[in-house]
Amino acid sequence: MIQGKLGDDDELFFEIDLIADNGLELPVDAMLDTGFSGWLAIDIQDIEGLDWVYIRKEAMRMAKAGVSEFNLYAGKVRIDGDEFYIPVHAGEEVPEILIGRQWLKTRRLVADMPAGVLTLETVNT
């Protein structure tokens, strides 16, 4: 289970590790965005030092911008001590590192704002 933290505008942040191709681990605060249907989205300039494998271009519908084109990469992350190879969407002007609702297929989100509790825990299926 990972403890999250609430942002100034009640955003849901969780610390994850981005793992570069050379094994370097970069801890980052990622914002959970339930409107994002993928695993991870990152600004294109933040992905350069990770040396993740480029897969292809992919169009995605964005809430504010309509359809935008993203570069899709094979990336490696660590969440709650477990490592995953996942598809990563990299695009221009992505303001935060985003984790999407794919994570909620295997994890339970508990967000109790009055109590200040924010967790993401593995669900045994």
N, C-alpha and C. Protein backbone atom coordinates (compact mmCIF):
# COMPACT_ATOMS: atom_id res chain seq x y z
N MET A 1 0.85 -1.17 0.00
CA MET A 1 0.00 0.00 0.00
C MET A 1 0.90 1.24 0.00
N ILE A 2 0.56 2.20 -0.82
CA ILE A 2 1.30 3.46 -0.80
C ILE A 2 0.40 4.57 -0.27
N GLN A 3 1.00 5.39 0.53
CA GLN A 3 0.33 6.57 1.05
C GLN A 3 0.48 7.67 0.02
N GLY A 4 -0.59 8.36 -0.24
CA GLY A 4 -0.54 9.49 -1.14
C GLY A 4 -0.64 10.78 -0.35
N LYS A 5 -0.67 11.86 -1.10
CA LYS A 5 -0.86 13.16 -0.45
C LYS A 5 -1.77 14.00 -1.33
N LEU A 6 -2.50 14.88 -0.68
CA LEU A 6 -3.41 15.77 -1.39
C LEU A 6 -2.66 17.04 -1.78
N GLY A 7 -2.90 17.50 -3.01
CA GLY A 7 -2.31 18.75 -3.47
C GLY A 7 -3.09 19.94 -2.96
N ASP A 8 -2.61 21.11 -3.28
CA ASP A 8 -3.26 22.36 -2.84
C ASP A 8 -4.68 22.49 -3.36
N ASP A 9 -4.96 21.92 -4.51
CA ASP A 9 -6.31 21.96 -5.08
C ASP A 9 -6.97 20.58 -5.03
N ASP A 10 -6.62 19.80 -4.00
CA ASP A 10 -7.17 18.46 -3.75
C ASP A 10 -6.80 17.43 -4.81
N GLU A 11 -5.69 17.65 -5.53
CA GLU A 11 -5.20 16.63 -6.45
C GLU A 11 -4.72 15.44 -5.63
N LEU A 12 -4.71 14.27 -6.26
CA LEU A 12 -4.28 13.03 -5.61
C LEU A 12 -2.89 12.67 -6.13
N PHE A 13 -1.88 12.77 -5.26
CA PHE A 13 -0.50 12.49 -5.66
C PHE A 13 0.03 11.25 -4.97
N PHE A 14 0.77 10.45 -5.74
CA PHE A 14 1.43 9.26 -5.22
C PHE A 14 2.88 9.27 -5.71
N GLU A 15 3.80 8.88 -4.85
CA GLU A 15 5.19 8.79 -5.27
C GLU A 15 5.42 7.46 -5.97
N ILE A 16 6.00 7.55 -7.15
CA ILE A 16 6.39 6.36 -7.92
C ILE A 16 7.83 6.56 -8.35
N ASP A 17 8.46 5.51 -8.83
CA ASP A 17 9.81 5.59 -9.37
C ASP A 17 9.77 5.32 -10.86
N LEU A 18 10.34 6.24 -11.62
CA LEU A 18 10.58 6.00 -13.04
C LEU A 18 11.95 5.35 -13.13
N ILE A 19 12.07 4.27 -13.87
CA ILE A 19 13.33 3.53 -13.95
C ILE A 19 13.88 3.65 -15.37
N ALA A 20 15.01 4.32 -15.48
CA ALA A 20 15.65 4.52 -16.78
C ALA A 20 16.20 3.20 -17.31
N ASP A 21 16.50 3.20 -18.59
CA ASP A 21 17.03 2.01 -19.24
C ASP A 21 18.34 1.55 -18.60
N ASN A 22 19.12 2.49 -18.05
CA ASN A 22 20.39 2.13 -17.41
C ASN A 22 20.23 1.76 -15.94
N GLY A 23 18.97 1.69 -15.45
CA GLY A 23 18.72 1.28 -14.07
C GLY A 23 18.57 2.43 -13.09
N LEU A 24 18.88 3.63 -13.49
CA LEU A 24 18.74 4.80 -12.63
C LEU A 24 17.27 4.97 -12.25
N GLU A 25 17.02 5.16 -10.96
CA GLU A 25 15.66 5.34 -10.47
C GLU A 25 15.41 6.80 -10.13
N LEU A 26 14.29 7.31 -10.61
CA LEU A 26 13.93 8.70 -10.39
C LEU A 26 12.59 8.75 -9.66
N PRO A 27 12.61 9.07 -8.36
CA PRO A 27 11.33 9.18 -7.64
C PRO A 27 10.61 10.47 -8.06
N VAL A 28 9.31 10.34 -8.35
CA VAL A 28 8.51 11.49 -8.76
C VAL A 28 7.14 11.41 -8.08
N ASP A 29 6.51 12.56 -7.92
CA ASP A 29 5.12 12.60 -7.49
C ASP A 29 4.26 12.58 -8.75
N ALA A 30 3.41 11.58 -8.86
CA ALA A 30 2.53 11.44 -10.02
C ALA A 30 1.10 11.70 -9.57
N MET A 31 0.37 12.42 -10.39
CA MET A 31 -1.02 12.74 -10.06
C MET A 31 -1.94 11.69 -10.68
N LEU A 32 -2.83 11.15 -9.86
CA LEU A 32 -3.82 10.20 -10.36
C LEU A 32 -4.90 10.98 -11.10
N ASP A 33 -5.08 10.63 -12.37
CA ASP A 33 -6.08 11.28 -13.22
C ASP A 33 -7.03 10.21 -13.73
N THR A 34 -8.22 10.13 -13.14
CA THR A 34 -9.18 9.10 -13.53
C THR A 34 -9.77 9.37 -14.91
N GLY A 35 -9.56 10.55 -15.46
CA GLY A 35 -9.99 10.83 -16.82
C GLY A 35 -9.01 10.33 -17.87
N PHE A 36 -7.83 9.92 -17.44
CA PHE A 36 -6.80 9.38 -18.34
C PHE A 36 -6.92 7.87 -18.34
N SER A 37 -7.16 7.30 -19.51
CA SER A 37 -7.44 5.87 -19.60
C SER A 37 -6.19 5.00 -19.64
N GLY A 38 -5.01 5.60 -19.73
CA GLY A 38 -3.78 4.83 -19.83
C GLY A 38 -3.13 4.56 -18.49
N TRP A 39 -1.84 4.19 -18.56
CA TRP A 39 -1.06 3.86 -17.37
C TRP A 39 -0.27 5.06 -16.86
N LEU A 40 0.45 5.73 -17.78
CA LEU A 40 1.32 6.83 -17.38
C LEU A 40 1.43 7.81 -18.54
N ALA A 41 1.37 9.10 -18.21
CA ALA A 41 1.58 10.16 -19.21
C ALA A 41 2.63 11.11 -18.64
N ILE A 42 3.49 11.58 -19.53
CA ILE A 42 4.61 12.41 -19.11
C ILE A 42 4.91 13.42 -20.22
N ASP A 43 5.48 14.55 -19.86
CA ASP A 43 5.87 15.53 -20.87
C ASP A 43 7.03 14.97 -21.69
N ILE A 44 7.02 15.23 -22.97
CA ILE A 44 8.01 14.68 -23.88
C ILE A 44 9.44 15.04 -23.48
N GLN A 45 9.66 16.24 -22.95
CA GLN A 45 11.03 16.61 -22.60
C GLN A 45 11.51 15.91 -21.34
N ASP A 46 10.59 15.41 -20.51
CA ASP A 46 10.99 14.69 -19.30
C ASP A 46 11.40 13.24 -19.58
N ILE A 47 11.09 12.75 -20.75
CA ILE A 47 11.35 11.35 -21.06
C ILE A 47 12.74 11.13 -21.66
N GLU A 48 13.40 12.21 -22.09
CA GLU A 48 14.65 12.08 -22.83
C GLU A 48 15.73 11.29 -22.10
N GLY A 49 15.96 11.56 -20.83
CA GLY A 49 17.04 10.89 -20.11
C GLY A 49 16.73 9.47 -19.69
N LEU A 50 15.49 9.02 -19.89
CA LEU A 50 15.11 7.67 -19.46
C LEU A 50 15.50 6.60 -20.48
N ASP A 51 15.70 7.00 -21.73
CA ASP A 51 16.06 6.08 -22.82
C ASP A 51 15.10 4.90 -22.95
N TRP A 52 13.81 5.17 -22.77
CA TRP A 52 12.81 4.12 -22.97
C TRP A 52 12.62 3.88 -24.46
N VAL A 53 12.18 2.70 -24.80
CA VAL A 53 12.03 2.29 -26.20
C VAL A 53 10.77 2.92 -26.81
N TYR A 54 10.98 3.63 -27.91
CA TYR A 54 9.86 4.22 -28.65
C TYR A 54 9.09 3.12 -29.37
N ILE A 55 7.76 3.18 -29.31
CA ILE A 55 6.93 2.18 -29.97
C ILE A 55 6.27 2.75 -31.22
N ARG A 56 5.49 3.83 -31.04
CA ARG A 56 4.77 4.43 -32.17
C ARG A 56 4.09 5.72 -31.73
N LYS A 57 3.50 6.41 -32.66
CA LYS A 57 2.65 7.56 -32.36
C LYS A 57 1.23 7.06 -32.11
N GLU A 58 0.52 7.76 -31.24
CA GLU A 58 -0.85 7.36 -30.93
C GLU A 58 -1.69 8.60 -30.64
N ALA A 59 -2.85 8.66 -31.24
CA ALA A 59 -3.77 9.77 -30.99
C ALA A 59 -4.62 9.44 -29.76
N MET A 60 -4.83 10.45 -28.92
CA MET A 60 -5.67 10.29 -27.72
C MET A 60 -6.60 11.49 -27.61
N ARG A 61 -7.81 11.23 -27.17
CA ARG A 61 -8.76 12.31 -26.93
C ARG A 61 -8.46 12.92 -25.57
N MET A 62 -8.29 14.24 -25.56
CA MET A 62 -8.00 14.98 -24.34
C MET A 62 -9.22 15.82 -23.96
N ALA A 63 -9.46 15.96 -22.69
CA ALA A 63 -10.63 16.70 -22.22
C ALA A 63 -10.65 18.14 -22.72
N LYS A 64 -9.53 18.83 -22.64
CA LYS A 64 -9.49 20.24 -23.00
C LYS A 64 -9.03 20.50 -24.42
N ALA A 65 -8.23 19.62 -24.98
CA ALA A 65 -7.59 19.91 -26.26
C ALA A 65 -8.12 19.10 -27.44
N GLY A 66 -9.18 18.33 -27.23
CA GLY A 66 -9.66 17.48 -28.31
C GLY A 66 -8.71 16.31 -28.50
N VAL A 67 -8.38 15.98 -29.75
CA VAL A 67 -7.47 14.87 -30.03
C VAL A 67 -6.05 15.40 -30.13
N SER A 68 -5.14 14.77 -29.39
CA SER A 68 -3.73 15.13 -29.42
C SER A 68 -2.91 13.89 -29.77
N GLU A 69 -1.75 14.13 -30.36
CA GLU A 69 -0.87 13.02 -30.71
C GLU A 69 0.21 12.86 -29.66
N PHE A 70 0.43 11.62 -29.25
CA PHE A 70 1.43 11.29 -28.26
C PHE A 70 2.41 10.29 -28.84
N ASN A 71 3.63 10.30 -28.33
CA ASN A 71 4.59 9.23 -28.63
C ASN A 71 4.39 8.17 -27.56
N LEU A 72 4.31 6.94 -27.96
CA LEU A 72 4.13 5.82 -27.04
C LEU A 72 5.48 5.14 -26.82
N TYR A 73 5.84 4.94 -25.57
CA TYR A 73 7.10 4.30 -25.19
C TYR A 73 6.83 3.10 -24.30
N ALA A 74 7.78 2.18 -24.26
CA ALA A 74 7.76 1.10 -23.28
C ALA A 74 8.59 1.58 -22.11
N GLY A 75 7.96 1.79 -20.97
CA GLY A 75 8.65 2.33 -19.81
C GLY A 75 8.61 1.37 -18.64
N LYS A 76 9.47 1.64 -17.68
CA LYS A 76 9.54 0.81 -16.48
C LYS A 76 9.34 1.71 -15.26
N VAL A 77 8.43 1.29 -14.38
CA VAL A 77 8.14 2.06 -13.17
C VAL A 77 8.09 1.12 -11.97
N ARG A 78 8.26 1.71 -10.81
CA ARG A 78 8.06 0.97 -9.56
C ARG A 78 6.96 1.67 -8.78
N ILE A 79 5.96 0.89 -8.41
CA ILE A 79 4.87 1.37 -7.57
C ILE A 79 4.71 0.39 -6.43
N ASP A 80 4.77 0.93 -5.23
CA ASP A 80 4.57 0.11 -4.03
C ASP A 80 5.52 -1.08 -3.99
N GLY A 81 6.76 -0.88 -4.42
CA GLY A 81 7.77 -1.93 -4.35
C GLY A 81 7.77 -2.90 -5.52
N ASP A 82 6.77 -2.83 -6.39
CA ASP A 82 6.68 -3.73 -7.54
C ASP A 82 7.06 -3.00 -8.81
N GLU A 83 7.82 -3.67 -9.69
CA GLU A 83 8.23 -3.09 -10.95
C GLU A 83 7.31 -3.55 -12.07
N PHE A 84 7.03 -2.62 -12.98
CA PHE A 84 6.13 -2.89 -14.10
C PHE A 84 6.71 -2.29 -15.38
N TYR A 85 6.58 -3.03 -16.48
CA TYR A 85 6.81 -2.49 -17.81
C TYR A 85 5.44 -2.09 -18.33
N ILE A 86 5.29 -0.81 -18.68
CA ILE A 86 3.99 -0.30 -19.08
C ILE A 86 4.12 0.59 -20.31
N PRO A 87 3.02 0.78 -21.05
CA PRO A 87 3.03 1.78 -22.12
C PRO A 87 2.97 3.17 -21.50
N VAL A 88 3.80 4.07 -22.01
CA VAL A 88 3.88 5.44 -21.49
C VAL A 88 3.59 6.41 -22.62
N HIS A 89 2.63 7.29 -22.39
CA HIS A 89 2.29 8.33 -23.37
C HIS A 89 3.10 9.58 -23.07
N ALA A 90 3.86 10.03 -24.05
CA ALA A 90 4.67 11.24 -23.91
C ALA A 90 4.17 12.28 -24.90
N GLY A 91 3.86 13.46 -24.38
CA GLY A 91 3.33 14.50 -25.25
C GLY A 91 3.81 15.88 -24.80
N GLU A 92 3.48 16.85 -25.60
CA GLU A 92 3.86 18.23 -25.28
C GLU A 92 2.86 18.83 -24.29
N GLU A 93 3.41 19.65 -23.40
CA GLU A 93 2.61 20.40 -22.44
C GLU A 93 1.78 19.51 -21.51
N VAL A 94 2.33 18.38 -21.10
CA VAL A 94 1.71 17.57 -20.06
C VAL A 94 2.19 18.17 -18.75
N PRO A 95 1.32 18.88 -18.00
CA PRO A 95 1.78 19.68 -16.87
C PRO A 95 2.25 18.87 -15.66
N GLU A 96 1.76 17.68 -15.49
CA GLU A 96 2.14 16.81 -14.37
C GLU A 96 2.41 15.41 -14.92
N ILE A 97 3.20 14.64 -14.21
CA ILE A 97 3.29 13.22 -14.52
C ILE A 97 1.98 12.62 -14.04
N LEU A 98 1.31 11.90 -14.92
CA LEU A 98 -0.01 11.38 -14.62
C LEU A 98 0.00 9.86 -14.58
N ILE A 99 -0.67 9.30 -13.59
CA ILE A 99 -1.00 7.89 -13.61
C ILE A 99 -2.50 7.81 -13.86
N GLY A 100 -2.90 6.87 -14.71
CA GLY A 100 -4.29 6.78 -15.14
C GLY A 100 -5.05 5.65 -14.47
N ARG A 101 -6.27 5.51 -14.93
CA ARG A 101 -7.18 4.57 -14.26
C ARG A 101 -6.86 3.10 -14.52
N GLN A 102 -5.91 2.78 -15.40
CA GLN A 102 -5.51 1.39 -15.57
C GLN A 102 -5.02 0.80 -14.25
N TRP A 103 -4.39 1.65 -13.42
CA TRP A 103 -3.89 1.18 -12.12
C TRP A 103 -5.04 0.75 -11.21
N LEU A 104 -6.21 1.30 -11.43
CA LEU A 104 -7.35 0.99 -10.55
C LEU A 104 -7.97 -0.37 -10.85
N LYS A 105 -7.49 -1.04 -11.88
CA LYS A 105 -7.97 -2.40 -12.17
C LYS A 105 -7.37 -3.42 -11.20
N THR A 106 -6.23 -3.09 -10.60
CA THR A 106 -5.58 -4.02 -9.69
C THR A 106 -5.28 -3.39 -8.33
N ARG A 107 -5.73 -2.15 -8.14
CA ARG A 107 -5.46 -1.45 -6.89
C ARG A 107 -6.72 -0.75 -6.40
N ARG A 108 -6.85 -0.69 -5.11
CA ARG A 108 -7.98 -0.02 -4.48
C ARG A 108 -7.56 1.38 -4.06
N LEU A 109 -8.31 2.35 -4.51
CA LEU A 109 -8.06 3.74 -4.15
C LEU A 109 -8.95 4.09 -2.96
N VAL A 110 -8.34 4.61 -1.90
CA VAL A 110 -9.09 5.13 -0.77
C VAL A 110 -8.74 6.60 -0.65
N ALA A 111 -9.75 7.45 -0.83
CA ALA A 111 -9.57 8.89 -0.72
C ALA A 111 -10.59 9.42 0.27
N ASP A 112 -10.16 9.61 1.50
CA ASP A 112 -11.01 10.15 2.56
C ASP A 112 -10.46 11.54 2.89
N MET A 113 -10.91 12.52 2.15
CA MET A 113 -10.36 13.87 2.28
C MET A 113 -10.59 14.47 3.67
N PRO A 114 -11.78 14.32 4.27
CA PRO A 114 -11.95 14.89 5.61
C PRO A 114 -10.95 14.33 6.63
N ALA A 115 -10.60 13.06 6.48
CA ALA A 115 -9.66 12.43 7.41
C ALA A 115 -8.21 12.59 6.95
N GLY A 116 -8.00 13.11 5.72
CA GLY A 116 -6.65 13.26 5.20
C GLY A 116 -6.00 11.94 4.82
N VAL A 117 -6.82 10.94 4.47
CA VAL A 117 -6.31 9.61 4.12
C VAL A 117 -6.37 9.42 2.62
N LEU A 118 -5.23 9.06 2.04
CA LEU A 118 -5.14 8.78 0.62
C LEU A 118 -4.21 7.59 0.44
N THR A 119 -4.75 6.46 -0.03
CA THR A 119 -3.94 5.27 -0.21
C THR A 119 -4.29 4.60 -1.54
N LEU A 120 -3.34 3.84 -2.03
CA LEU A 120 -3.50 3.01 -3.21
C LEU A 120 -2.91 1.67 -2.83
N GLU A 121 -3.77 0.65 -2.74
CA GLU A 121 -3.29 -0.64 -2.26
C GLU A 121 -3.61 -1.75 -3.26
N THR A 122 -2.74 -2.73 -3.28
CA THR A 122 -2.91 -3.88 -4.18
C THR A 122 -4.11 -4.70 -3.73
N VAL A 123 -4.90 -5.14 -4.71
CA VAL A 123 -6.06 -5.98 -4.45
C VAL A 123 -5.69 -7.38 -4.91
N ASN A 124 -5.86 -8.34 -4.06
CA ASN A 124 -5.60 -9.74 -4.44
C ASN A 124 -6.79 -10.25 -5.23
N THR A 125 -6.52 -10.64 -6.50
CA THR A 125 -7.60 -11.13 -7.34
C THR A 125 -7.50 -12.61 -7.56
